[in-house]
Amino acid sequence: MDEERLPQPDAADIELAKVLQALGDPVRLHLFRVYAAGGEYHCSAEGLGVDHLHKSTVSHHMRVMREAGLTSTRVAGRNRYVSLRRAELDVRFPGLVAALLAAEGAP
C-alpha cells in the first residue's frame, strides 16, 4: 500500500503566530493534548474525545493544525493518521509544547 504525507510547512518555516492561533480554539487545543500523548491517531473522531462534532468539522480542525505545522498526516490508502510534530516543535520553539501541556496539567 502506498503511503504519503499531506502538505505541511517545513520545520524551519513554522510560525509561532500561526501555531498559537491554531491552538486558540478549544477543540484544537484538546486535540493537541491528545496527540501529545504520542503515536499516531486515526483521523476519525473516535477515541479523540470529539465524538460530538461532525466529521467535516474534525477534518477542518486537523487541517488547520497541519497547515500551522503542529501535526503531520500520513495517508495510507483511504486512511489518514495524525501525529504531533513534537520533536520538530521542541527544536523550533524550545519549551513551548511543555508549557502548553503544563498549563492545564496535561501529561
PDB file of N, CA and C in Angstrom:
ATOM      1  N   MET A   1       0.842  -1.182   0.000  1.00  0.00           N
ATOM      2  CA  MET A   1       0.000   0.000   0.000  1.00  0.00           C
ATOM      3  C   MET A   1       0.890   1.248   0.000  1.00  0.00           C
ATOM      4  N   ASP A   2       0.618   2.180  -0.911  1.00  0.00           N
ATOM      5  CA  ASP A   2       1.391   3.418  -0.995  1.00  0.00           C
ATOM      6  C   ASP A   2       1.060   4.327   0.182  1.00  0.00           C
ATOM      7  N   GLU A   3       2.088   5.011   0.665  1.00  0.00           N
ATOM      8  CA  GLU A   3       1.892   5.963   1.756  1.00  0.00           C
ATOM      9  C   GLU A   3       2.445   7.309   1.338  1.00  0.00           C
ATOM     10  N   GLU A   4       1.825   8.354   1.826  1.00  0.00           N
ATOM     11  CA  GLU A   4       2.293   9.702   1.554  1.00  0.00           C
ATOM     12  C   GLU A   4       1.969  10.581   2.750  1.00  0.00           C
ATOM     13  N   ARG A   5       2.536  11.755   2.770  1.00  0.00           N
ATOM     14  CA  ARG A   5       2.248  12.749   3.803  1.00  0.00           C
ATOM     15  C   ARG A   5       1.531  13.908   3.135  1.00  0.00           C
ATOM     16  N   LEU A   6       0.523  14.441   3.814  1.00  0.00           N
ATOM     17  CA  LEU A   6      -0.156  15.623   3.303  1.00  0.00           C
ATOM     18  C   LEU A   6       0.779  16.825   3.448  1.00  0.00           C
ATOM     19  N   PRO A   7       0.612  17.840   2.620  1.00  0.00           N
ATOM     20  CA  PRO A   7       1.492  19.018   2.684  1.00  0.00           C
ATOM     21  C   PRO A   7       1.491  19.663   4.069  1.00  0.00           C
ATOM     22  N   GLN A   8       2.676  20.039   4.491  1.00  0.00           N
ATOM     23  CA  GLN A   8       2.866  20.705   5.783  1.00  0.00           C
ATOM     24  C   GLN A   8       4.080  21.607   5.658  1.00  0.00           C
ATOM     25  N   PRO A   9       4.163  22.651   6.474  1.00  0.00           N
ATOM     26  CA  PRO A   9       5.346  23.515   6.376  1.00  0.00           C
ATOM     27  C   PRO A   9       6.599  22.795   6.866  1.00  0.00           C
ATOM     28  N   ASP A  10       7.728  23.159   6.273  1.00  0.00           N
ATOM     29  CA  ASP A  10       8.999  22.654   6.790  1.00  0.00           C
ATOM     30  C   ASP A  10       9.154  23.173   8.218  1.00  0.00           C
ATOM     31  N   ALA A  11       9.890  22.434   9.034  1.00  0.00           N
ATOM     32  CA  ALA A  11      10.058  22.816  10.436  1.00  0.00           C
ATOM     33  C   ALA A  11      10.581  24.242  10.580  1.00  0.00           C
ATOM     34  N   ALA A  12      11.513  24.637   9.722  1.00  0.00           N
ATOM     35  CA  ALA A  12      12.095  25.980   9.810  1.00  0.00           C
ATOM     36  C   ALA A  12      11.100  27.079   9.437  1.00  0.00           C
ATOM     37  N   ASP A  13      10.025  26.703   8.752  1.00  0.00           N
ATOM     38  CA  ASP A  13       9.022  27.678   8.309  1.00  0.00           C
ATOM     39  C   ASP A  13       7.809  27.778   9.226  1.00  0.00           C
ATOM     40  N   ILE A  14       7.776  26.994  10.297  1.00  0.00           N
ATOM     41  CA  ILE A  14       6.646  27.049  11.224  1.00  0.00           C
ATOM     42  C   ILE A  14       6.686  28.388  11.955  1.00  0.00           C
ATOM     43  N   GLU A  15       5.580  29.101  11.921  1.00  0.00           N
ATOM     44  CA  GLU A  15       5.499  30.421  12.542  1.00  0.00           C
ATOM     45  C   GLU A  15       4.771  30.332  13.879  1.00  0.00           C
ATOM     46  N   LEU A  16       5.357  30.946  14.893  1.00  0.00           N
ATOM     47  CA  LEU A  16       4.773  30.927  16.231  1.00  0.00           C
ATOM     48  C   LEU A  16       3.361  31.501  16.228  1.00  0.00           C
ATOM     49  N   ALA A  17       3.147  32.588  15.524  1.00  0.00           N
ATOM     50  CA  ALA A  17       1.816  33.205  15.486  1.00  0.00           C
ATOM     51  C   ALA A  17       0.770  32.235  14.948  1.00  0.00           C
ATOM     52  N   LYS A  18       1.116  31.462  13.923  1.00  0.00           N
ATOM     53  CA  LYS A  18       0.166  30.500  13.352  1.00  0.00           C
ATOM     54  C   LYS A  18      -0.092  29.340  14.306  1.00  0.00           C
ATOM     55  N   VAL A  19       0.954  28.910  14.999  1.00  0.00           N
ATOM     56  CA  VAL A  19       0.799  27.835  15.988  1.00  0.00           C
ATOM     57  C   VAL A  19      -0.148  28.285  17.095  1.00  0.00           C
ATOM     58  N   LEU A  20       0.099  29.473  17.635  1.00  0.00           N
ATOM     59  CA  LEU A  20      -0.740  29.973  18.728  1.00  0.00           C
ATOM     60  C   LEU A  20      -2.159  30.256  18.265  1.00  0.00           C
ATOM     61  N   GLN A  21      -2.311  30.743  17.045  1.00  0.00           N
ATOM     62  CA  GLN A  21      -3.646  30.985  16.501  1.00  0.00           C
ATOM     63  C   GLN A  21      -4.399  29.663  16.363  1.00  0.00           C
ATOM     64  N   ALA A  22      -3.734  28.636  15.868  1.00  0.00           N
ATOM     65  CA  ALA A  22      -4.371  27.334  15.721  1.00  0.00           C
ATOM     66  C   ALA A  22      -4.802  26.778  17.078  1.00  0.00           C
ATOM     67  N   LEU A  23      -3.974  26.985  18.090  1.00  0.00           N
ATOM     68  CA  LEU A  23      -4.284  26.444  19.418  1.00  0.00           C
ATOM     69  C   LEU A  23      -5.227  27.337  20.215  1.00  0.00           C
ATOM     70  N   GLY A  24      -5.626  28.456  19.634  1.00  0.00           N
ATOM     71  CA  GLY A  24      -6.574  29.349  20.300  1.00  0.00           C
ATOM     72  C   GLY A  24      -7.988  28.800  20.321  1.00  0.00           C
ATOM     73  N   ASP A  25      -8.234  27.764  19.559  1.00  0.00           N
ATOM     74  CA  ASP A  25      -9.551  27.120  19.537  1.00  0.00           C
ATOM     75  C   ASP A  25      -9.558  25.976  20.544  1.00  0.00           C
ATOM     76  N   PRO A  26     -10.576  25.892  21.398  1.00  0.00           N
ATOM     77  CA  PRO A  26     -10.603  24.838  22.432  1.00  0.00           C
ATOM     78  C   PRO A  26     -10.560  23.414  21.873  1.00  0.00           C
ATOM     79  N   VAL A  27     -11.196  23.174  20.743  1.00  0.00           N
ATOM     80  CA  VAL A  27     -11.178  21.826  20.159  1.00  0.00           C
ATOM     81  C   VAL A  27      -9.775  21.476  19.697  1.00  0.00           C
ATOM     82  N   ARG A  28      -9.099  22.410  19.026  1.00  0.00           N
ATOM     83  CA  ARG A  28      -7.748  22.131  18.554  1.00  0.00           C
ATOM     84  C   ARG A  28      -6.773  22.001  19.722  1.00  0.00           C
ATOM     85  N   LEU A  29      -6.965  22.772  20.781  1.00  0.00           N
ATOM     86  CA  LEU A  29      -6.112  22.630  21.966  1.00  0.00           C
ATOM     87  C   LEU A  29      -6.319  21.248  22.583  1.00  0.00           C
ATOM     88  N   HIS A  30      -7.561  20.784  22.607  1.00  0.00           N
ATOM     89  CA  HIS A  30      -7.849  19.437  23.110  1.00  0.00           C
ATOM     90  C   HIS A  30      -7.148  18.383  22.242  1.00  0.00           C
ATOM     91  N   LEU A  31      -7.263  18.512  20.911  1.00  0.00           N
ATOM     92  CA  LEU A  31      -6.610  17.562  20.009  1.00  0.00           C
ATOM     93  C   LEU A  31      -5.096  17.596  20.186  1.00  0.00           C
ATOM     94  N   PHE A  32      -4.539  18.785  20.360  1.00  0.00           N
ATOM     95  CA  PHE A  32      -3.105  18.941  20.611  1.00  0.00           C
ATOM     96  C   PHE A  32      -2.695  18.109  21.820  1.00  0.00           C
ATOM     97  N   ARG A  33      -3.466  18.189  22.875  1.00  0.00           N
ATOM     98  CA  ARG A  33      -3.147  17.436  24.094  1.00  0.00           C
ATOM     99  C   ARG A  33      -3.264  15.933  23.872  1.00  0.00           C
ATOM    100  N   VAL A  34      -4.263  15.525  23.111  1.00  0.00           N
ATOM    101  CA  VAL A  34      -4.410  14.101  22.788  1.00  0.00           C
ATOM    102  C   VAL A  34      -3.199  13.629  21.996  1.00  0.00           C
ATOM    103  N   TYR A  35      -2.843  14.366  20.946  1.00  0.00           N
ATOM    104  CA  TYR A  35      -1.711  13.992  20.099  1.00  0.00           C
ATOM    105  C   TYR A  35      -0.394  14.010  20.869  1.00  0.00           C
ATOM    106  N   ALA A  36      -0.295  14.869  21.875  1.00  0.00           N
ATOM    107  CA  ALA A  36       0.940  14.979  22.654  1.00  0.00           C
ATOM    108  C   ALA A  36       1.243  13.708  23.437  1.00  0.00           C
ATOM    109  N   ALA A  37       0.244  12.853  23.618  1.00  0.00           N
ATOM    110  CA  ALA A  37       0.476  11.584  24.314  1.00  0.00           C
ATOM    111  C   ALA A  37       1.381  10.670  23.498  1.00  0.00           C
ATOM    112  N   GLY A  38       1.561  11.002  22.216  1.00  0.00           N
ATOM    113  CA  GLY A  38       2.458  10.238  21.357  1.00  0.00           C
ATOM    114  C   GLY A  38       1.720   9.289  20.443  1.00  0.00           C
ATOM    115  N   GLY A  39       2.419   8.820  19.440  1.00  0.00           N
ATOM    116  CA  GLY A  39       1.854   7.873  18.487  1.00  0.00           C
ATOM    117  C   GLY A  39       1.039   8.547  17.407  1.00  0.00           C
ATOM    118  N   GLU A  40       0.418   7.717  16.593  1.00  0.00           N
ATOM    119  CA  GLU A  40      -0.430   8.191  15.514  1.00  0.00           C
ATOM    120  C   GLU A  40      -1.882   7.925  15.858  1.00  0.00           C
ATOM    121  N   TYR A  41      -2.737   8.809  15.408  1.00  0.00           N
ATOM    122  CA  TYR A  41      -4.159   8.696  15.679  1.00  0.00           C
ATOM    123  C   TYR A  41      -4.924   8.680  14.367  1.00  0.00           C
ATOM    124  N   HIS A  42      -5.854   7.728  14.254  1.00  0.00           N
ATOM    125  CA  HIS A  42      -6.706   7.659  13.072  1.00  0.00           C
ATOM    126  C   HIS A  42      -7.521   8.943  13.018  1.00  0.00           C
ATOM    127  N   CYS A  43      -7.785   9.411  11.818  1.00  0.00           N
ATOM    128  CA  CYS A  43      -8.443  10.711  11.669  1.00  0.00           C
ATOM    129  C   CYS A  43      -9.919  10.698  12.053  1.00  0.00           C
ATOM    130  N   SER A  44     -10.492   9.540  12.322  1.00  0.00           N
ATOM    131  CA  SER A  44     -11.890   9.517  12.750  1.00  0.00           C
ATOM    132  C   SER A  44     -11.995  10.144  14.138  1.00  0.00           C
ATOM    133  N   ALA A  45     -13.153  10.619  14.480  1.00  0.00           N
ATOM    134  CA  ALA A  45     -13.361  11.287  15.764  1.00  0.00           C
ATOM    135  C   ALA A  45     -13.327  10.302  16.933  1.00  0.00           C
ATOM    136  N   GLU A  46     -13.449   9.012  16.646  1.00  0.00           N
ATOM    137  CA  GLU A  46     -13.473   8.009  17.710  1.00  0.00           C
ATOM    138  C   GLU A  46     -12.176   8.008  18.505  1.00  0.00           C
ATOM    139  N   GLY A  47     -12.305   8.018  19.807  1.00  0.00           N
ATOM    140  CA  GLY A  47     -11.144   7.947  20.673  1.00  0.00           C
ATOM    141  C   GLY A  47     -10.403   9.253  20.864  1.00  0.00           C
ATOM    142  N   LEU A  48     -10.859  10.314  20.208  1.00  0.00           N
ATOM    143  CA  LEU A  48     -10.199  11.613  20.343  1.00  0.00           C
ATOM    144  C   LEU A  48     -10.933  12.540  21.305  1.00  0.00           C
ATOM    145  N   GLY A  49     -12.103  12.115  21.761  1.00  0.00           N
ATOM    146  CA  GLY A  49     -12.873  12.948  22.674  1.00  0.00           C
ATOM    147  C   GLY A  49     -13.630  14.063  21.977  1.00  0.00           C
ATOM    148  N   VAL A  50     -13.814  13.926  20.663  1.00  0.00           N
ATOM    149  CA  VAL A  50     -14.568  14.933  19.912  1.00  0.00           C
ATOM    150  C   VAL A  50     -15.702  14.267  19.122  1.00  0.00           C
ATOM    151  N   ASP A  51     -16.215  13.173  19.671  1.00  0.00           N
ATOM    152  CA  ASP A  51     -17.268  12.400  19.004  1.00  0.00           C
ATOM    153  C   ASP A  51     -18.520  13.235  18.727  1.00  0.00           C
ATOM    154  N   HIS A  52     -18.713  14.297  19.493  1.00  0.00           N
ATOM    155  CA  HIS A  52     -19.899  15.139  19.352  1.00  0.00           C
ATOM    156  C   HIS A  52     -19.838  16.049  18.127  1.00  0.00           C
ATOM    157  N   LEU A  53     -18.678  16.132  17.492  1.00  0.00           N
ATOM    158  CA  LEU A  53     -18.515  17.005  16.333  1.00  0.00           C
ATOM    159  C   LEU A  53     -18.726  16.242  15.032  1.00  0.00           C
ATOM    160  N   HIS A  54     -19.207  16.942  14.021  1.00  0.00           N
ATOM    161  CA  HIS A  54     -19.385  16.355  12.706  1.00  0.00           C
ATOM    162  C   HIS A  54     -18.014  16.043  12.115  1.00  0.00           C
ATOM    163  N   LYS A  55     -17.947  15.000  11.299  1.00  0.00           N
ATOM    164  CA  LYS A  55     -16.678  14.564  10.703  1.00  0.00           C
ATOM    165  C   LYS A  55     -15.998  15.698   9.937  1.00  0.00           C
ATOM    166  N   SER A  56     -16.764  16.499   9.219  1.00  0.00           N
ATOM    167  CA  SER A  56     -16.156  17.593   8.441  1.00  0.00           C
ATOM    168  C   SER A  56     -15.559  18.654   9.352  1.00  0.00           C
ATOM    169  N   THR A  57     -16.148  18.851  10.520  1.00  0.00           N
ATOM    170  CA  THR A  57     -15.620  19.824  11.477  1.00  0.00           C
ATOM    171  C   THR A  57     -14.293  19.328  12.046  1.00  0.00           C
ATOM    172  N   VAL A  58     -14.237  18.054  12.384  1.00  0.00           N
ATOM    173  CA  VAL A  58     -12.992  17.472  12.889  1.00  0.00           C
ATOM    174  C   VAL A  58     -11.914  17.562  11.812  1.00  0.00           C
ATOM    175  N   SER A  59     -12.271  17.268  10.569  1.00  0.00           N
ATOM    176  CA  SER A  59     -11.310  17.365   9.461  1.00  0.00           C
ATOM    177  C   SER A  59     -10.785  18.782   9.322  1.00  0.00           C
ATOM    178  N   HIS A  60     -11.667  19.763   9.471  1.00  0.00           N
ATOM    179  CA  HIS A  60     -11.247  21.167   9.392  1.00  0.00           C
ATOM    180  C   HIS A  60     -10.214  21.483  10.472  1.00  0.00           C
ATOM    181  N   HIS A  61     -10.492  21.064  11.708  1.00  0.00           N
ATOM    182  CA  HIS A  61      -9.558  21.323  12.810  1.00  0.00           C
ATOM    183  C   HIS A  61      -8.207  20.657  12.552  1.00  0.00           C
ATOM    184  N   MET A  62      -8.241  19.448  12.032  1.00  0.00           N
ATOM    185  CA  MET A  62      -6.991  18.735  11.735  1.00  0.00           C
ATOM    186  C   MET A  62      -6.210  19.440  10.627  1.00  0.00           C
ATOM    187  N   ARG A  63      -6.907  19.958   9.627  1.00  0.00           N
ATOM    188  CA  ARG A  63      -6.239  20.676   8.542  1.00  0.00           C
ATOM    189  C   ARG A  63      -5.579  21.949   9.055  1.00  0.00           C
ATOM    190  N   VAL A  64      -6.276  22.695   9.911  1.00  0.00           N
ATOM    191  CA  VAL A  64      -5.717  23.929  10.470  1.00  0.00           C
ATOM    192  C   VAL A  64      -4.445  23.616  11.257  1.00  0.00           C
ATOM    193  N   MET A  65      -4.485  22.547  12.036  1.00  0.00           N
ATOM    194  CA  MET A  65      -3.313  22.176  12.827  1.00  0.00           C
ATOM    195  C   MET A  65      -2.152  21.753  11.933  1.00  0.00           C
ATOM    196  N   ARG A  66      -2.440  21.001  10.880  1.00  0.00           N
ATOM    197  CA  ARG A  66      -1.390  20.560   9.955  1.00  0.00           C
ATOM    198  C   ARG A  66      -0.789  21.751   9.224  1.00  0.00           C
ATOM    199  N   GLU A  67      -1.635  22.650   8.740  1.00  0.00           N
ATOM    200  CA  GLU A  67      -1.140  23.807   7.998  1.00  0.00           C
ATOM    201  C   GLU A  67      -0.350  24.774   8.878  1.00  0.00           C
ATOM    202  N   ALA A  68      -0.639  24.766  10.181  1.00  0.00           N
ATOM    203  CA  ALA A  68       0.129  25.596  11.114  1.00  0.00           C
ATOM    204  C   ALA A  68       1.477  24.956  11.459  1.00  0.00           C
ATOM    205  N   GLY A  69       1.620  23.669  11.126  1.00  0.00           N
ATOM    206  CA  GLY A  69       2.875  22.973  11.397  1.00  0.00           C
ATOM    207  C   GLY A  69       2.868  22.147  12.664  1.00  0.00           C
ATOM    208  N   LEU A  70       1.720  22.054  13.313  1.00  0.00           N
ATOM    209  CA  LEU A  70       1.636  21.310  14.571  1.00  0.00           C
ATOM    210  C   LEU A  70       1.642  19.798  14.381  1.00  0.00           C
ATOM    211  N   THR A  71       0.994  19.347  13.318  1.00  0.00           N
ATOM    212  CA  THR A  71       0.836  17.910  13.118  1.00  0.00           C
ATOM    213  C   THR A  71       1.304  17.490  11.744  1.00  0.00           C
ATOM    214  N   SER A  72       1.476  16.198  11.618  1.00  0.00           N
ATOM    215  CA  SER A  72       1.801  15.575  10.346  1.00  0.00           C
ATOM    216  C   SER A  72       0.718  14.539  10.081  1.00  0.00           C
ATOM    217  N   THR A  73       0.267  14.447   8.829  1.00  0.00           N
ATOM    218  CA  THR A  73      -0.774  13.489   8.471  1.00  0.00           C
ATOM    219  C   THR A  73      -0.231  12.524   7.432  1.00  0.00           C
ATOM    220  N   ARG A  74      -0.261  11.257   7.791  1.00  0.00           N
ATOM    221  CA  ARG A  74       0.184  10.191   6.899  1.00  0.00           C
ATOM    222  C   ARG A  74      -1.040   9.555   6.260  1.00  0.00           C
ATOM    223  N   VAL A  75      -0.993   9.396   4.944  1.00  0.00           N
ATOM    224  CA  VAL A  75      -2.089   8.788   4.199  1.00  0.00           C
ATOM    225  C   VAL A  75      -1.678   7.372   3.835  1.00  0.00           C
ATOM    226  N   ALA A  76      -2.514   6.406   4.200  1.00  0.00           N
ATOM    227  CA  ALA A  76      -2.288   5.006   3.852  1.00  0.00           C
ATOM    228  C   ALA A  76      -3.582   4.478   3.256  1.00  0.00           C
ATOM    229  N   GLY A  77      -3.620   4.434   1.923  1.00  0.00           N
ATOM    230  CA  GLY A  77      -4.859   4.031   1.263  1.00  0.00           C
ATOM    231  C   GLY A  77      -5.930   5.067   1.517  1.00  0.00           C
ATOM    232  N   ARG A  78      -7.062   4.627   2.061  1.00  0.00           N
ATOM    233  CA  ARG A  78      -8.161   5.548   2.382  1.00  0.00           C
ATOM    234  C   ARG A  78      -8.075   6.078   3.809  1.00  0.00           C
ATOM    235  N   ASN A  79      -7.080   5.643   4.551  1.00  0.00           N
ATOM    236  CA  ASN A  79      -6.948   6.040   5.945  1.00  0.00           C
ATOM    237  C   ASN A  79      -5.930   7.164   6.107  1.00  0.00           C
ATOM    238  N   ARG A  80      -6.171   7.985   7.119  1.00  0.00           N
ATOM    239  CA  ARG A  80      -5.240   9.061   7.456  1.00  0.00           C
ATOM    240  C   ARG A  80      -4.897   8.951   8.937  1.00  0.00           C
ATOM    241  N   TYR A  81      -3.619   9.160   9.219  1.00  0.00           N
ATOM    242  CA  TYR A  81      -3.126   9.054  10.584  1.00  0.00           C
ATOM    243  C   TYR A  81      -2.392  10.336  10.943  1.00  0.00           C
ATOM    244  N   VAL A  82      -2.753  10.894  12.085  1.00  0.00           N
ATOM    245  CA  VAL A  82      -2.220  12.189  12.513  1.00  0.00           C
ATOM    246  C   VAL A  82      -1.298  11.992  13.711  1.00  0.00           C
ATOM    247  N   SER A  83      -0.187  12.730  13.704  1.00  0.00           N
ATOM    248  CA  SER A  83       0.718  12.712  14.858  1.00  0.00           C
ATOM    249  C   SER A  83       1.243  14.130  15.086  1.00  0.00           C
ATOM    250  N   LEU A  84       1.549  14.424  16.331  1.00  0.00           N
ATOM    251  CA  LEU A  84       2.124  15.714  16.699  1.00  0.00           C
ATOM    252  C   LEU A  84       3.584  15.752  16.252  1.00  0.00           C
ATOM    253  N   ARG A  85       4.007  16.868  15.725  1.00  0.00           N
ATOM    254  CA  ARG A  85       5.405  17.042  15.305  1.00  0.00           C
ATOM    255  C   ARG A  85       6.218  17.515  16.516  1.00  0.00           C
ATOM    256  N   ARG A  86       6.174  16.745  17.562  1.00  0.00           N
ATOM    257  CA  ARG A  86       6.746  17.139  18.856  1.00  0.00           C
ATOM    258  C   ARG A  86       8.236  17.462  18.767  1.00  0.00           C
ATOM    259  N   ALA A  87       9.011  16.581  18.180  1.00  0.00           N
ATOM    260  CA  ALA A  87      10.461  16.808  18.122  1.00  0.00           C
ATOM    261  C   ALA A  87      10.778  18.080  17.341  1.00  0.00           C
ATOM    262  N   GLU A  88      10.097  18.280  16.224  1.00  0.00           N
ATOM    263  CA  GLU A  88      10.344  19.468  15.408  1.00  0.00           C
ATOM    264  C   GLU A  88       9.906  20.736  16.128  1.00  0.00           C
ATOM    265  N   LEU A  89       8.775  20.662  16.825  1.00  0.00           N
ATOM    266  CA  LEU A  89       8.297  21.825  17.578  1.00  0.00           C
ATOM    267  C   LEU A  89       9.231  22.150  18.740  1.00  0.00           C
ATOM    268  N   ASP A  90       9.757  21.109  19.392  1.00  0.00           N
ATOM    269  CA  ASP A  90      10.678  21.331  20.510  1.00  0.00           C
ATOM    270  C   ASP A  90      11.975  21.998  20.047  1.00  0.00           C
ATOM    271  N   VAL A  91      12.428  21.667  18.839  1.00  0.00           N
ATOM    272  CA  VAL A  91      13.633  22.298  18.301  1.00  0.00           C
ATOM    273  C   VAL A  91      13.317  23.738  17.889  1.00  0.00           C
ATOM    274  N   ARG A  92      12.201  23.927  17.222  1.00  0.00           N
ATOM    275  CA  ARG A  92      11.844  25.254  16.688  1.00  0.00           C
ATOM    276  C   ARG A  92      11.481  26.232  17.805  1.00  0.00           C
ATOM    277  N   PHE A  93      10.708  25.755  18.795  1.00  0.00           N
ATOM    278  CA  PHE A  93      10.250  26.598  19.906  1.00  0.00           C
ATOM    279  C   PHE A  93      10.495  25.858  21.225  1.00  0.00           C
ATOM    280  N   PRO A  94      11.742  25.858  21.707  1.00  0.00           N
ATOM    281  CA  PRO A  94      12.073  25.102  22.923  1.00  0.00           C
ATOM    282  C   PRO A  94      11.167  25.465  24.104  1.00  0.00           C
ATOM    283  N   GLY A  95      10.602  24.432  24.712  1.00  0.00           N
ATOM    284  CA  GLY A  95       9.773  24.612  25.899  1.00  0.00           C
ATOM    285  C   GLY A  95       8.316  24.941  25.627  1.00  0.00           C
ATOM    286  N   LEU A  96       7.952  25.264  24.391  1.00  0.00           N
ATOM    287  CA  LEU A  96       6.578  25.662  24.100  1.00  0.00           C
ATOM    288  C   LEU A  96       5.587  24.531  24.337  1.00  0.00           C
ATOM    289  N   VAL A  97       5.872  23.361  23.792  1.00  0.00           N
ATOM    290  CA  VAL A  97       4.942  22.232  23.943  1.00  0.00           C
ATOM    291  C   VAL A  97       4.781  21.892  25.424  1.00  0.00           C
ATOM    292  N   ALA A  98       5.885  21.820  26.142  1.00  0.00           N
ATOM    293  CA  ALA A  98       5.826  21.500  27.576  1.00  0.00           C
ATOM    294  C   ALA A  98       5.023  22.551  28.335  1.00  0.00           C
ATOM    295  N   ALA A  99       5.217  23.812  27.986  1.00  0.00           N
ATOM    296  CA  ALA A  99       4.481  24.890  28.664  1.00  0.00           C
ATOM    297  C   ALA A  99       2.991  24.801  28.381  1.00  0.00           C
ATOM    298  N   LEU A 100       2.633  24.511  27.141  1.00  0.00           N
ATOM    299  CA  LEU A 100       1.218  24.391  26.784  1.00  0.00           C
ATOM    300  C   LEU A 100       0.566  23.211  27.486  1.00  0.00           C
ATOM    301  N   LEU A 101       1.300  22.128  27.611  1.00  0.00           N
ATOM    302  CA  LEU A 101       0.761  20.945  28.285  1.00  0.00           C
ATOM    303  C   LEU A 101       0.667  21.168  29.791  1.00  0.00           C
ATOM    304  N   ALA A 102       1.638  21.841  30.354  1.00  0.00           N
ATOM    305  CA  ALA A 102       1.644  22.108  31.798  1.00  0.00           C
ATOM    306  C   ALA A 102       0.564  23.111  32.197  1.00  0.00           C
ATOM    307  N   ALA A 103       0.163  23.959  31.271  1.00  0.00           N
ATOM    308  CA  ALA A 103      -0.817  24.997  31.575  1.00  0.00           C
ATOM    309  C   ALA A 103      -2.127  24.424  32.090  1.00  0.00           C
ATOM    310  N   GLU A 104      -2.476  23.220  31.655  1.00  0.00           N
ATOM    311  CA  GLU A 104      -3.705  22.580  32.107  1.00  0.00           C
ATOM    312  C   GLU A 104      -3.422  21.295  32.873  1.00  0.00           C
ATOM    313  N   GLY A 105      -2.187  21.100  33.247  1.00  0.00           N
ATOM    314  CA  GLY A 105      -1.839  19.896  33.976  1.00  0.00           C
ATOM    315  C   GLY A 105      -1.883  18.646  33.124  1.00  0.00           C
ATOM    316  N   ALA A 106      -1.723  18.796  31.806  1.00  0.00           N
ATOM    317  CA  ALA A 106      -1.731  17.659  30.897  1.00  0.00           C
ATOM    318  C   ALA A 106      -0.400  16.915  30.997  1.00  0.00           C
ATOM    319  N   PRO A 107      -0.348  15.690  30.445  1.00  0.00           N
ATOM    320  CA  PRO A 107       0.889  14.902  30.516  1.00  0.00           C
ATOM    321  C   PRO A 107       2.046  15.537  29.792  1.00  0.00           C
TER     322      PRO A 107
END
